[in-house]
Amino acid sequence: MSTQVKKSLSKSQQVTFDNLTTKSGWIRYLASLGWSRGDTVRLINEGPLKGKKPIRYQHVRNVLLTPVTTPKDQF
């Protein structure tokens, strides 16, 4: 049996996360904190996208592999 530890953001990290306006911004910010792709998907789907169309692991992977062309969110 494996136990899964649920990761969370500190208060200052949560403020920064809440100020970001795009899904890509959220993904890149969590990656900069060292979050895994799976944990990123879970946090975003249970947080800001709760009750909306969820993102998938593939979306997170694609964002992280694609270079930023027009940075909209700064953190």
Protein backbone atom coordinates (compact mmCIF):
# COMPACT_ATOMS: atom_id res chain seq x y z
CA MET A 1 0.00 0.00 0.00
CA SER A 2 1.45 3.38 -0.96
CA THR A 3 0.63 6.56 0.85
CA GLN A 4 0.54 9.73 -1.14
CA VAL A 5 1.61 12.96 0.51
CA LYS A 6 -0.45 15.90 -0.66
CA LYS A 7 1.78 18.85 -1.47
CA SER A 8 0.66 22.37 -0.73
CA LEU A 9 1.90 25.91 -1.19
CA SER A 10 3.05 28.25 1.57
CA LYS A 11 1.08 31.47 2.04
CA SER A 12 3.55 33.58 0.05
CA GLN A 13 3.68 30.98 -2.72
CA GLN A 14 -0.13 30.87 -2.79
CA VAL A 15 -0.30 34.67 -3.21
CA THR A 16 2.11 34.51 -6.16
CA PHE A 17 0.18 31.58 -7.65
CA ASP A 18 -3.14 33.44 -7.31
CA ASN A 19 -1.72 36.49 -9.11
CA LEU A 20 -0.85 34.46 -12.21
CA THR A 21 -3.49 34.65 -14.95
CA THR A 22 -2.72 31.74 -17.28
CA LYS A 23 -2.57 27.98 -16.97
CA SER A 24 0.92 28.09 -18.43
CA GLY A 25 1.93 30.58 -15.76
CA TRP A 26 0.64 28.30 -13.03
CA ILE A 27 2.46 25.32 -14.54
CA ARG A 28 5.78 27.12 -15.00
CA TYR A 29 5.61 28.59 -11.48
CA LEU A 30 5.03 25.20 -9.86
CA ALA A 31 7.83 23.70 -11.96
CA SER A 32 10.16 26.47 -10.75
CA LEU A 33 9.36 25.36 -7.19
CA GLY A 34 10.40 21.80 -8.05
CA TRP A 35 6.93 20.28 -8.28
CA SER A 36 6.47 17.11 -10.32
CA ARG A 37 4.16 17.13 -13.32
CA GLY A 38 1.67 14.87 -11.57
CA ASP A 39 1.52 17.02 -8.44
CA THR A 40 1.08 20.09 -10.66
CA VAL A 41 -1.91 18.51 -12.42
CA ARG A 42 -3.50 17.54 -9.10
CA LEU A 43 -3.05 20.98 -7.51
CA ILE A 44 -4.42 22.89 -10.49
CA ASN A 45 -7.40 20.55 -10.98
CA GLU A 46 -8.31 20.64 -7.28
CA GLY A 47 -7.72 24.37 -6.91
CA PRO A 48 -8.43 27.01 -9.55
CA LEU A 49 -10.02 24.59 -12.04
CA LYS A 50 -12.23 22.72 -9.56
CA GLY A 51 -15.55 22.13 -11.27
CA LYS A 52 -14.18 23.19 -14.67
CA LYS A 53 -12.56 21.21 -17.45
CA PRO A 54 -9.41 19.67 -15.91
CA ILE A 55 -5.97 19.87 -17.41
CA ARG A 56 -4.07 16.71 -18.27
CA TYR A 57 -0.54 15.52 -17.61
CA GLN A 58 0.21 15.94 -21.34
CA HIS A 59 -0.73 19.64 -21.14
CA VAL A 60 1.75 20.17 -18.32
CA ARG A 61 4.46 18.28 -20.19
CA ASN A 62 3.91 20.30 -23.36
CA VAL A 63 4.05 23.61 -21.51
CA LEU A 64 7.31 22.67 -19.82
CA LEU A 65 8.94 21.50 -23.05
CA THR A 66 7.86 24.52 -25.11
CA PRO A 67 10.01 27.66 -24.78
CA VAL A 68 8.30 30.85 -23.63
CA THR A 69 7.72 33.17 -26.59
CA THR A 70 5.64 35.95 -25.02
CA PRO A 71 5.88 35.97 -21.24
CA LYS A 72 2.53 37.14 -19.91
CA ASP A 73 3.00 36.15 -16.27
CA GLN A 74 6.06 37.14 -14.27
CA PHE A 75 6.96 35.52 -10.96
